N, C-alpha and C. Protein backbone atom coordinates (compact mmCIF):
# COMPACT_ATOMS: atom_id res chain seq x y z
N MET A 1 245.75 151.99 64.00
CA MET A 1 245.37 152.29 65.38
C MET A 1 245.12 151.02 66.17
N TYR A 2 244.53 150.08 65.47
CA TYR A 2 244.32 148.79 66.17
C TYR A 2 245.63 148.13 66.53
N LYS A 3 246.62 148.25 65.70
CA LYS A 3 247.91 147.67 65.98
C LYS A 3 248.54 148.29 67.21
N VAL A 4 248.39 149.64 67.33
CA VAL A 4 248.93 150.33 68.50
C VAL A 4 248.24 149.86 69.77
N PHE A 5 246.90 149.70 69.72
CA PHE A 5 246.13 149.29 70.90
C PHE A 5 246.55 147.90 71.38
N PHE A 6 246.67 146.97 70.45
CA PHE A 6 247.07 145.61 70.84
C PHE A 6 248.49 145.56 71.34
N SER A 7 249.34 146.43 70.77
CA SER A 7 250.72 146.46 71.26
C SER A 7 250.77 146.95 72.70
N ILE A 8 249.97 148.01 72.98
CA ILE A 8 249.93 148.54 74.36
C ILE A 8 249.39 147.47 75.32
N MET A 9 248.34 146.77 74.92
CA MET A 9 247.75 145.75 75.78
C MET A 9 248.72 144.59 76.01
N ARG A 10 249.50 144.27 74.99
CA ARG A 10 250.45 143.17 75.13
C ARG A 10 251.54 143.54 76.11
N LEU A 11 251.95 144.84 76.03
CA LEU A 11 252.99 145.27 76.95
C LEU A 11 252.47 145.44 78.36
N ALA A 12 251.21 145.79 78.51
CA ALA A 12 250.66 146.05 79.83
C ALA A 12 250.13 144.80 80.51
N SER A 13 249.90 143.74 79.78
CA SER A 13 249.27 142.55 80.36
C SER A 13 250.10 141.88 81.45
N PRO A 14 251.46 141.80 81.34
CA PRO A 14 252.20 141.21 82.47
C PRO A 14 252.03 141.97 83.77
N GLY A 15 252.01 143.27 83.69
CA GLY A 15 251.82 144.07 84.90
C GLY A 15 250.44 143.91 85.46
N ILE A 16 249.49 143.88 84.57
CA ILE A 16 248.12 143.68 85.05
C ILE A 16 247.98 142.33 85.75
N ALA A 17 248.64 141.30 85.14
CA ALA A 17 248.58 139.97 85.75
C ALA A 17 249.24 139.93 87.11
N ARG A 18 250.35 140.73 87.24
CA ARG A 18 251.01 140.75 88.53
C ARG A 18 250.23 141.55 89.55
N GLY A 19 249.57 142.57 89.15
CA GLY A 19 248.82 143.41 90.10
C GLY A 19 247.47 142.85 90.44
N PHE A 20 246.89 142.14 89.57
CA PHE A 20 245.55 141.61 89.79
C PHE A 20 245.58 140.08 89.61
N LYS A 21 246.30 139.41 90.52
CA LYS A 21 246.44 137.96 90.45
C LYS A 21 245.16 137.28 90.92
N GLN A 22 244.62 136.43 90.14
CA GLN A 22 243.39 135.71 90.48
C GLN A 22 243.73 134.43 91.26
N PRO A 23 242.96 134.11 92.33
CA PRO A 23 243.21 132.87 93.10
C PRO A 23 242.95 131.65 92.24
N LEU A 24 243.82 130.65 92.45
CA LEU A 24 243.68 129.41 91.71
C LEU A 24 242.54 128.57 92.30
N PRO A 25 241.84 127.88 91.49
CA PRO A 25 240.76 127.03 92.03
C PRO A 25 241.34 125.90 92.90
N PRO A 26 240.61 125.48 93.94
CA PRO A 26 241.10 124.41 94.81
C PRO A 26 241.31 123.11 94.03
N VAL A 27 242.39 122.45 94.42
CA VAL A 27 242.72 121.19 93.75
C VAL A 27 242.01 120.05 94.48
N THR A 28 241.22 119.33 93.78
CA THR A 28 240.48 118.19 94.33
C THR A 28 241.33 116.94 94.22
N PRO A 29 241.65 116.31 95.36
CA PRO A 29 242.48 115.10 95.27
C PRO A 29 241.75 114.00 94.52
N PRO A 30 242.48 113.16 93.89
CA PRO A 30 241.84 112.08 93.15
C PRO A 30 241.15 111.09 94.10
N ARG A 31 240.05 110.65 93.68
CA ARG A 31 239.27 109.73 94.49
C ARG A 31 239.73 108.29 94.23
N HIS A 32 239.96 107.59 95.40
CA HIS A 32 240.35 106.19 95.31
C HIS A 32 239.16 105.35 95.78
N HIS A 33 238.65 104.57 94.96
CA HIS A 33 237.51 103.72 95.29
C HIS A 33 238.02 102.49 96.05
N ARG A 34 237.96 102.55 97.41
CA ARG A 34 238.46 101.46 98.28
C ARG A 34 237.34 100.98 99.19
N SER A 35 237.12 99.69 99.22
CA SER A 35 236.09 99.13 100.08
C SER A 35 236.64 98.92 101.50
N ASN A 36 235.74 98.59 102.47
CA ASN A 36 236.14 98.37 103.86
C ASN A 36 236.63 96.95 104.12
N ALA A 37 236.63 96.06 103.18
CA ALA A 37 237.06 94.67 103.36
C ALA A 37 238.58 94.58 103.42
N PHE A 38 239.08 93.45 104.01
CA PHE A 38 240.51 93.21 104.08
C PHE A 38 240.98 92.57 102.78
N THR A 39 242.19 92.85 102.46
CA THR A 39 242.78 92.22 101.29
C THR A 39 243.25 90.82 101.64
N LEU A 40 243.53 90.03 100.63
CA LEU A 40 243.98 88.67 100.85
C LEU A 40 245.32 88.64 101.58
N ILE A 41 246.19 89.56 101.28
CA ILE A 41 247.49 89.62 101.95
C ILE A 41 247.33 89.92 103.44
N GLU A 42 246.42 90.83 103.76
CA GLU A 42 246.18 91.17 105.17
C GLU A 42 245.61 89.97 105.92
N VAL A 43 244.72 89.25 105.29
CA VAL A 43 244.14 88.07 105.94
C VAL A 43 245.20 87.01 106.18
N VAL A 44 246.07 86.77 105.20
CA VAL A 44 247.12 85.77 105.35
C VAL A 44 248.09 86.15 106.46
N ILE A 45 248.46 87.43 106.54
CA ILE A 45 249.37 87.89 107.59
C ILE A 45 248.72 87.74 108.97
N ALA A 46 247.44 88.10 109.07
CA ALA A 46 246.74 87.98 110.36
C ALA A 46 246.65 86.53 110.80
N LEU A 47 246.37 85.63 109.86
CA LEU A 47 246.30 84.21 110.21
C LEU A 47 247.66 83.68 110.64
N GLY A 48 248.71 84.13 109.99
CA GLY A 48 250.04 83.70 110.38
C GLY A 48 250.41 84.14 111.78
N ILE A 49 250.08 85.38 112.12
CA ILE A 49 250.37 85.89 113.47
C ILE A 49 249.55 85.14 114.52
N ALA A 50 248.25 84.90 114.22
CA ALA A 50 247.40 84.19 115.18
C ALA A 50 247.88 82.76 115.38
N THR A 51 248.28 82.10 114.30
CA THR A 51 248.78 80.72 114.43
C THR A 51 250.06 80.67 115.24
N PHE A 52 250.95 81.60 115.01
CA PHE A 52 252.21 81.64 115.76
C PHE A 52 251.96 81.89 117.24
N ALA A 53 250.96 82.72 117.55
CA ALA A 53 250.66 83.00 118.96
C ALA A 53 249.94 81.84 119.64
N MET A 54 249.17 81.05 118.88
CA MET A 54 248.40 79.96 119.47
C MET A 54 249.21 78.69 119.69
N LEU A 55 250.33 78.55 119.00
CA LEU A 55 251.11 77.31 119.12
C LEU A 55 251.55 77.03 120.56
N PRO A 56 252.11 77.99 121.29
CA PRO A 56 252.50 77.70 122.69
C PRO A 56 251.30 77.33 123.57
N ILE A 57 250.14 77.97 123.31
CA ILE A 57 248.95 77.67 124.11
C ILE A 57 248.47 76.25 123.83
N LEU A 58 248.45 75.87 122.56
CA LEU A 58 248.04 74.51 122.21
C LEU A 58 249.00 73.47 122.78
N ALA A 59 250.28 73.81 122.84
CA ALA A 59 251.26 72.86 123.39
C ALA A 59 251.06 72.66 124.89
N LEU A 60 250.52 73.66 125.58
CA LEU A 60 250.33 73.56 127.03
C LEU A 60 249.00 72.89 127.40
N MET A 61 248.09 72.76 126.45
CA MET A 61 246.78 72.20 126.78
C MET A 61 246.85 70.76 127.28
N PRO A 62 247.60 69.84 126.64
CA PRO A 62 247.68 68.48 127.20
C PRO A 62 248.24 68.44 128.61
N VAL A 63 249.24 69.28 128.87
CA VAL A 63 249.82 69.32 130.21
C VAL A 63 248.80 69.81 131.23
N GLY A 64 248.06 70.84 130.85
CA GLY A 64 247.04 71.36 131.75
C GLY A 64 245.92 70.37 132.01
N LEU A 65 245.49 69.65 130.97
CA LEU A 65 244.44 68.65 131.15
C LEU A 65 244.92 67.50 132.02
N GLN A 66 246.17 67.07 131.84
CA GLN A 66 246.71 65.99 132.66
C GLN A 66 246.83 66.43 134.11
N THR A 67 247.26 67.66 134.34
CA THR A 67 247.36 68.19 135.70
C THR A 67 246.00 68.26 136.36
N LEU A 68 244.99 68.67 135.59
CA LEU A 68 243.63 68.73 136.12
C LEU A 68 243.12 67.34 136.47
N GLN A 69 243.40 66.35 135.61
CA GLN A 69 242.98 64.98 135.89
C GLN A 69 243.68 64.42 137.11
N ASN A 70 244.97 64.70 137.24
CA ASN A 70 245.71 64.22 138.42
C ASN A 70 245.17 64.85 139.70
N SER A 71 244.86 66.13 139.63
CA SER A 71 244.31 66.79 140.81
C SER A 71 242.96 66.22 141.19
N SER A 72 242.14 65.92 140.18
CA SER A 72 240.83 65.33 140.47
C SER A 72 240.99 63.93 141.06
N ASN A 73 241.92 63.14 140.52
CA ASN A 73 242.15 61.80 141.07
C ASN A 73 242.66 61.85 142.50
N ASP A 74 243.52 62.81 142.79
CA ASP A 74 244.03 62.95 144.17
C ASP A 74 242.90 63.27 145.14
N THR A 75 241.98 64.12 144.71
CA THR A 75 240.85 64.46 145.58
C THR A 75 239.96 63.26 145.82
N VAL A 76 239.68 62.50 144.76
CA VAL A 76 238.80 61.33 144.89
C VAL A 76 239.47 60.25 145.74
N THR A 77 240.74 59.98 145.50
CA THR A 77 241.42 58.94 146.28
C THR A 77 241.50 59.31 147.76
N ALA A 78 241.66 60.60 148.04
CA ALA A 78 241.68 61.03 149.44
C ALA A 78 240.33 60.75 150.10
N GLY A 79 239.24 60.99 149.37
CA GLY A 79 237.92 60.69 149.91
C GLY A 79 237.69 59.21 150.11
N ILE A 80 238.16 58.39 149.15
CA ILE A 80 238.02 56.93 149.28
C ILE A 80 238.82 56.43 150.47
N ALA A 81 240.05 56.91 150.62
CA ALA A 81 240.90 56.48 151.74
C ALA A 81 240.26 56.84 153.08
N GLN A 82 239.67 58.02 153.16
CA GLN A 82 239.01 58.42 154.40
C GLN A 82 237.81 57.52 154.69
N GLN A 83 237.07 57.18 153.65
CA GLN A 83 235.92 56.29 153.84
C GLN A 83 236.36 54.90 154.31
N ILE A 84 237.42 54.37 153.70
CA ILE A 84 237.90 53.04 154.09
C ILE A 84 238.45 53.06 155.51
N ARG A 85 239.19 54.11 155.86
CA ARG A 85 239.73 54.20 157.22
C ARG A 85 238.60 54.19 158.25
N GLY A 86 237.55 54.95 157.95
CA GLY A 86 236.42 54.98 158.87
C GLY A 86 235.77 53.62 159.04
N GLU A 87 235.68 52.87 157.94
CA GLU A 87 235.08 51.53 158.02
C GLU A 87 235.99 50.56 158.76
N LEU A 88 237.29 50.65 158.53
CA LEU A 88 238.22 49.72 159.18
C LEU A 88 238.33 49.99 160.68
N GLN A 89 238.08 51.21 161.10
CA GLN A 89 238.13 51.50 162.53
C GLN A 89 236.98 50.83 163.28
N GLN A 90 235.94 50.45 162.56
CA GLN A 90 234.79 49.82 163.19
C GLN A 90 234.60 48.37 162.72
N VAL A 91 235.57 47.82 162.01
CA VAL A 91 235.43 46.48 161.48
C VAL A 91 235.39 45.45 162.61
N SER A 92 234.62 44.42 162.41
CA SER A 92 234.48 43.38 163.43
C SER A 92 235.59 42.34 163.27
N PHE A 93 236.06 41.84 164.39
CA PHE A 93 237.05 40.77 164.39
C PHE A 93 236.38 39.39 164.36
N ASN A 94 235.08 39.34 164.52
CA ASN A 94 234.37 38.07 164.52
C ASN A 94 234.01 37.68 163.10
N PRO A 95 234.49 36.55 162.62
CA PRO A 95 234.16 36.13 161.26
C PRO A 95 232.70 35.75 161.12
N GLN A 96 232.16 35.95 159.92
CA GLN A 96 230.79 35.54 159.63
C GLN A 96 230.78 34.02 159.44
N THR A 97 229.98 33.33 160.25
CA THR A 97 230.03 31.87 160.28
C THR A 97 229.09 31.20 159.30
N SER A 98 228.12 31.89 158.80
CA SER A 98 227.16 31.26 157.89
C SER A 98 226.73 32.25 156.81
N GLY A 99 226.35 31.69 155.67
CA GLY A 99 225.85 32.51 154.59
C GLY A 99 226.97 33.20 153.82
N THR A 100 226.57 33.94 152.80
CA THR A 100 227.53 34.68 151.99
C THR A 100 227.98 35.94 152.72
N PRO A 101 229.27 36.17 152.83
CA PRO A 101 229.73 37.39 153.52
C PRO A 101 229.17 38.65 152.86
N THR A 102 228.61 39.51 153.66
CA THR A 102 228.03 40.75 153.16
C THR A 102 228.67 41.98 153.78
N ALA A 103 229.45 41.80 154.82
CA ALA A 103 230.07 42.93 155.50
C ALA A 103 231.56 42.66 155.66
N LEU A 104 232.33 43.72 155.64
CA LEU A 104 233.77 43.60 155.79
C LEU A 104 234.11 43.25 157.23
N THR A 105 234.80 42.16 157.39
CA THR A 105 235.27 41.74 158.70
C THR A 105 236.77 41.49 158.61
N MET A 106 237.40 41.34 159.76
CA MET A 106 238.83 41.14 159.77
C MET A 106 239.22 39.81 159.12
N SER A 107 238.29 38.87 159.07
CA SER A 107 238.59 37.56 158.52
C SER A 107 238.52 37.51 156.99
N ASN A 108 237.85 38.45 156.36
CA ASN A 108 237.76 38.41 154.92
C ASN A 108 238.57 39.53 154.24
N LEU A 109 239.55 40.04 154.96
CA LEU A 109 240.43 41.05 154.37
C LEU A 109 241.47 40.35 153.50
N CYS A 110 241.14 40.13 152.26
CA CYS A 110 242.07 39.54 151.33
C CYS A 110 241.63 39.92 149.92
N GLY A 111 242.52 39.85 148.99
CA GLY A 111 242.18 40.22 147.63
C GLY A 111 243.32 39.89 146.69
N THR A 112 243.40 40.59 145.61
CA THR A 112 244.46 40.37 144.63
C THR A 112 245.23 41.66 144.43
N LEU A 113 246.51 41.52 144.24
CA LEU A 113 247.38 42.66 143.98
C LEU A 113 248.38 42.26 142.91
N ASP A 114 248.40 43.02 141.82
CA ASP A 114 249.29 42.71 140.70
C ASP A 114 249.08 41.29 140.19
N GLY A 115 247.83 40.85 140.18
CA GLY A 115 247.52 39.53 139.66
C GLY A 115 247.79 38.39 140.62
N GLN A 116 248.25 38.65 141.82
CA GLN A 116 248.54 37.60 142.80
C GLN A 116 247.50 37.62 143.90
N TYR A 117 247.08 36.45 144.28
CA TYR A 117 246.09 36.34 145.34
C TYR A 117 246.76 36.51 146.69
N LEU A 118 246.18 37.37 147.50
CA LEU A 118 246.77 37.67 148.81
C LEU A 118 245.77 37.30 149.90
N PRO A 119 245.73 36.06 150.32
CA PRO A 119 244.77 35.69 151.36
C PRO A 119 245.19 36.24 152.71
N ALA A 120 244.21 36.79 153.42
CA ALA A 120 244.48 37.31 154.76
C ALA A 120 244.13 36.30 155.82
N SER A 121 243.37 35.31 155.45
CA SER A 121 242.98 34.28 156.41
C SER A 121 242.68 33.02 155.62
N SER A 122 242.19 32.02 156.31
CA SER A 122 241.85 30.76 155.64
C SER A 122 240.43 30.77 155.10
N GLN A 123 239.82 31.94 155.01
CA GLN A 123 238.45 32.03 154.54
C GLN A 123 238.38 32.92 153.29
N PRO A 124 238.81 32.38 152.15
CA PRO A 124 238.67 33.15 150.93
C PRO A 124 237.20 33.23 150.54
N PRO A 125 236.79 34.05 149.62
CA PRO A 125 237.62 34.75 148.66
C PRO A 125 237.98 36.18 149.06
N GLY A 126 237.40 36.69 150.12
CA GLY A 126 237.73 38.05 150.51
C GLY A 126 236.95 39.10 149.75
N PHE A 127 237.22 40.38 150.10
CA PHE A 127 236.48 41.50 149.53
C PHE A 127 237.40 42.35 148.66
N ILE A 128 236.80 42.93 147.62
CA ILE A 128 237.42 43.97 146.80
C ILE A 128 236.39 45.07 146.61
N TYR A 129 236.79 46.30 146.82
CA TYR A 129 235.89 47.43 146.63
C TYR A 129 236.16 48.05 145.27
N TYR A 130 235.09 48.34 144.55
CA TYR A 130 235.19 49.01 143.26
C TYR A 130 234.49 50.37 143.35
N TYR A 131 235.13 51.36 142.72
CA TYR A 131 234.60 52.73 142.78
C TYR A 131 234.55 53.32 141.37
N SER A 132 233.62 54.25 141.20
CA SER A 132 233.50 54.96 139.93
C SER A 132 234.53 56.09 139.88
N LEU A 133 234.53 56.81 138.76
CA LEU A 133 235.46 57.92 138.61
C LEU A 133 235.21 59.02 139.64
N ASP A 134 233.98 59.11 140.13
CA ASP A 134 233.62 60.11 141.13
C ASP A 134 233.83 59.63 142.55
N GLY A 135 234.31 58.39 142.73
CA GLY A 135 234.57 57.88 144.07
C GLY A 135 233.37 57.23 144.74
N VAL A 136 232.36 56.86 143.96
CA VAL A 136 231.17 56.21 144.52
C VAL A 136 231.39 54.69 144.45
N GLN A 137 231.21 54.00 145.59
CA GLN A 137 231.38 52.55 145.59
C GLN A 137 230.27 51.89 144.79
N LEU A 138 230.66 50.99 143.87
CA LEU A 138 229.71 50.40 142.94
C LEU A 138 229.22 49.03 143.38
N ASN A 139 229.94 48.36 144.26
CA ASN A 139 229.55 46.99 144.65
C ASN A 139 229.25 46.91 146.14
N VAL A 140 228.41 47.81 146.60
CA VAL A 140 228.10 47.85 148.03
C VAL A 140 227.40 46.58 148.47
N THR A 141 226.47 46.08 147.65
CA THR A 141 225.68 44.92 148.05
C THR A 141 226.44 43.61 147.89
N ASN A 142 227.43 43.57 147.02
CA ASN A 142 228.17 42.33 146.81
C ASN A 142 229.65 42.65 146.56
N PRO A 143 230.41 42.89 147.63
CA PRO A 143 231.82 43.24 147.46
C PRO A 143 232.77 42.05 147.40
N LEU A 144 232.25 40.84 147.23
CA LEU A 144 233.13 39.67 147.15
C LEU A 144 234.03 39.76 145.92
N SER A 145 235.24 39.28 146.06
CA SER A 145 236.19 39.35 144.95
C SER A 145 235.80 38.43 143.80
N THR A 146 234.91 37.46 144.06
CA THR A 146 234.46 36.56 143.00
C THR A 146 233.32 37.13 142.18
N ALA A 147 232.74 38.24 142.63
CA ALA A 147 231.62 38.84 141.90
C ALA A 147 232.13 39.57 140.66
N PRO A 148 231.27 39.72 139.65
CA PRO A 148 231.69 40.43 138.44
C PRO A 148 232.06 41.88 138.74
N VAL A 149 233.00 42.39 137.95
CA VAL A 149 233.41 43.79 138.12
C VAL A 149 232.32 44.69 137.56
N PRO A 150 231.81 45.64 138.34
CA PRO A 150 230.73 46.51 137.85
C PRO A 150 231.21 47.39 136.69
N ALA A 151 230.27 47.74 135.83
CA ALA A 151 230.58 48.65 134.73
C ALA A 151 230.88 50.04 135.29
N GLY A 152 231.79 50.71 134.67
CA GLY A 152 232.16 52.06 135.11
C GLY A 152 233.18 52.09 136.23
N THR A 153 233.81 50.95 136.52
CA THR A 153 234.81 50.91 137.59
C THR A 153 236.07 51.66 137.16
N TYR A 154 236.57 52.53 138.02
CA TYR A 154 237.81 53.27 137.77
C TYR A 154 238.84 53.04 138.86
N PHE A 155 238.38 52.94 140.11
CA PHE A 155 239.26 52.67 141.26
C PHE A 155 238.91 51.30 141.83
N SER A 156 239.92 50.62 142.35
CA SER A 156 239.70 49.35 143.05
C SER A 156 240.57 49.33 144.29
N ALA A 157 240.04 48.72 145.35
CA ALA A 157 240.76 48.65 146.62
C ALA A 157 240.76 47.21 147.12
N VAL A 158 241.94 46.70 147.45
CA VAL A 158 242.07 45.37 148.05
C VAL A 158 242.77 45.53 149.40
N PHE A 159 242.62 44.50 150.24
CA PHE A 159 243.08 44.58 151.62
C PHE A 159 243.94 43.37 151.97
N THR A 160 244.93 43.60 152.79
CA THR A 160 245.68 42.52 153.42
C THR A 160 245.85 42.88 154.90
N ARG A 161 246.13 41.89 155.68
CA ARG A 161 246.33 42.16 157.11
C ARG A 161 247.48 41.32 157.63
N GLN A 162 248.06 41.79 158.69
CA GLN A 162 249.15 41.08 159.36
C GLN A 162 248.94 41.22 160.85
N THR A 163 248.95 40.10 161.52
CA THR A 163 248.70 40.13 162.96
C THR A 163 249.81 40.86 163.70
N ALA A 164 249.41 41.80 164.52
CA ALA A 164 250.37 42.55 165.32
C ALA A 164 250.37 41.99 166.74
N THR A 165 251.53 41.60 167.18
CA THR A 165 251.65 41.02 168.53
C THR A 165 251.73 42.15 169.55
N MET A 166 250.80 42.14 170.48
CA MET A 166 250.78 43.14 171.52
C MET A 166 251.41 42.58 172.80
N PRO A 167 252.02 43.41 173.61
CA PRO A 167 252.61 42.90 174.86
C PRO A 167 251.58 42.21 175.74
N GLY A 168 251.96 41.06 176.27
CA GLY A 168 251.06 40.34 177.16
C GLY A 168 250.05 39.47 176.45
N THR A 169 250.18 39.29 175.13
CA THR A 169 249.24 38.45 174.40
C THR A 169 249.98 37.27 173.80
N THR A 170 249.22 36.35 173.27
CA THR A 170 249.83 35.17 172.66
C THR A 170 250.31 35.44 171.24
N GLY A 171 249.89 36.57 170.65
CA GLY A 171 250.30 36.89 169.30
C GLY A 171 249.49 36.21 168.23
N THR A 172 248.45 35.47 168.61
CA THR A 172 247.61 34.81 167.62
C THR A 172 246.41 35.70 167.28
N TYR A 173 245.72 35.32 166.21
CA TYR A 173 244.59 36.12 165.75
C TYR A 173 243.48 36.20 166.79
N ASP A 174 243.27 35.11 167.52
CA ASP A 174 242.18 35.06 168.48
C ASP A 174 242.62 35.51 169.88
N GLY A 175 243.76 36.13 169.99
CA GLY A 175 244.20 36.60 171.29
C GLY A 175 243.24 37.62 171.86
N ALA A 176 243.20 37.70 173.19
CA ALA A 176 242.22 38.57 173.84
C ALA A 176 242.40 40.03 173.46
N ASN A 177 243.65 40.44 173.23
CA ASN A 177 243.91 41.84 172.89
C ASN A 177 244.61 41.96 171.55
N ALA A 178 244.29 41.08 170.62
CA ALA A 178 244.98 41.06 169.34
C ALA A 178 244.71 42.33 168.56
N ALA A 179 245.68 42.68 167.76
CA ALA A 179 245.54 43.83 166.85
C ALA A 179 246.02 43.41 165.48
N GLU A 180 245.50 44.05 164.46
CA GLU A 180 245.83 43.71 163.09
C GLU A 180 246.32 44.96 162.35
N MET A 181 247.41 44.80 161.60
CA MET A 181 247.88 45.86 160.72
C MET A 181 247.25 45.64 159.35
N VAL A 182 246.31 46.48 159.00
CA VAL A 182 245.58 46.35 157.74
C VAL A 182 246.23 47.28 156.71
N THR A 183 246.54 46.71 155.55
CA THR A 183 247.12 47.49 154.46
C THR A 183 246.12 47.53 153.31
N VAL A 184 245.92 48.71 152.80
CA VAL A 184 244.96 48.93 151.71
C VAL A 184 245.75 49.32 150.46
N TYR A 185 245.44 48.66 149.35
CA TYR A 185 246.06 48.95 148.06
C TYR A 185 244.97 49.54 147.15
N LEU A 186 245.06 50.82 146.89
CA LEU A 186 244.08 51.52 146.06
C LEU A 186 244.72 51.78 144.70
N SER A 187 244.12 51.23 143.64
CA SER A 187 244.72 51.31 142.30
C SER A 187 243.74 51.95 141.31
N TYR A 188 244.30 52.62 140.31
CA TYR A 188 243.50 53.20 139.22
C TYR A 188 244.43 53.52 138.05
N PRO A 189 243.91 53.56 136.83
CA PRO A 189 242.55 53.19 136.43
C PRO A 189 242.40 51.69 136.33
N HIS A 190 241.27 51.18 136.76
CA HIS A 190 241.04 49.74 136.77
C HIS A 190 241.00 49.22 135.34
N GLY A 191 241.61 48.07 135.13
CA GLY A 191 241.63 47.47 133.80
C GLY A 191 242.83 47.83 132.98
N ALA A 192 243.57 48.85 133.37
CA ALA A 192 244.78 49.23 132.64
C ALA A 192 245.91 48.28 132.99
N PRO A 193 246.92 48.18 132.14
CA PRO A 193 248.08 47.34 132.49
C PRO A 193 248.69 47.78 133.81
N GLN A 194 249.25 46.82 134.53
CA GLN A 194 249.81 47.10 135.85
C GLN A 194 250.86 48.22 135.81
N ALA A 195 251.64 48.24 134.71
CA ALA A 195 252.68 49.26 134.61
C ALA A 195 252.11 50.67 134.46
N ASN A 196 250.87 50.76 133.99
CA ASN A 196 250.25 52.07 133.77
C ASN A 196 249.31 52.48 134.89
N GLN A 197 249.18 51.66 135.91
CA GLN A 197 248.29 51.99 137.01
C GLN A 197 249.01 52.79 138.09
N GLN A 198 248.26 53.68 138.70
CA GLN A 198 248.73 54.41 139.87
C GLN A 198 248.27 53.66 141.12
N LYS A 199 249.14 53.53 142.11
CA LYS A 199 248.81 52.79 143.33
C LYS A 199 249.07 53.67 144.56
N ILE A 200 248.11 53.64 145.43
CA ILE A 200 248.22 54.33 146.72
C ILE A 200 248.10 53.28 147.81
N VAL A 201 249.08 53.23 148.68
CA VAL A 201 249.12 52.21 149.74
C VAL A 201 249.12 52.93 151.08
N PHE A 202 248.23 52.52 151.95
CA PHE A 202 248.22 53.08 153.31
C PHE A 202 247.82 51.98 154.28
N SER A 203 248.23 52.13 155.53
CA SER A 203 248.01 51.11 156.55
C SER A 203 247.28 51.70 157.74
N LEU A 204 246.64 50.81 158.48
CA LEU A 204 245.88 51.20 159.66
C LEU A 204 246.01 50.10 160.71
N LEU A 205 246.28 50.47 161.92
CA LEU A 205 246.34 49.51 163.02
C LEU A 205 244.97 49.42 163.67
N ALA A 206 244.36 48.23 163.58
CA ALA A 206 243.04 48.01 164.17
C ALA A 206 243.18 47.08 165.36
N ALA A 207 242.70 47.51 166.49
CA ALA A 207 242.78 46.72 167.72
C ALA A 207 241.43 46.04 167.98
N LYS A 208 241.52 44.83 168.48
CA LYS A 208 240.31 44.07 168.78
C LYS A 208 239.63 44.65 170.03
N GLN A 209 238.34 44.92 169.90
CA GLN A 209 237.59 45.46 171.01
C GLN A 209 237.03 44.32 171.85
N ASN A 210 236.61 44.63 173.06
CA ASN A 210 236.06 43.60 173.95
C ASN A 210 234.77 43.00 173.40
N SER A 211 234.06 43.79 172.57
CA SER A 211 232.80 43.30 172.03
C SER A 211 233.01 42.42 170.80
N ASP A 212 234.23 42.39 170.27
CA ASP A 212 234.49 41.60 169.07
C ASP A 212 234.76 40.14 169.41
């Protein structure tokens, strides 16, 4: 009897399994133990991309710095030129007859240019103006060309003049209506070889006033 029962159960079990199918338990994905840090390969790739992107920027930095320096120099030289023009418009034609020259006059407009002495009159040594990188004159109290060059000098200005003959005058320096063509040579950076210096040259016509 037991054999018959097991035989019946064996034959009936496939049908029972098909009619009463049990749900399968959920499959749990395998856990991967991964930290939040970057791998060495990721770091190397990121550094390579950053380096490749920074190369053009680094190549432009010297050009940008030089452009900024040139722009700053142009601004300073424009201010120095304006200051000198204002002084030359009021310069006296009467030479200082005694003592050490302390003020710019038409008779002491002389200096050196490219290592050559350029006398403007028979009364050397003449004046040279020295300026700092910010355009501040450093030798206000003693602008003689024989005085020591002040520390921190970046710009230097020397002067020459040429007598301009006016109609109806004798054309000499002491003429009643004489005028002088003053040329200013502004150079920088001071102390650098002549080939490496930048030079700005401008001229001004100064006429002798009745009070001079």
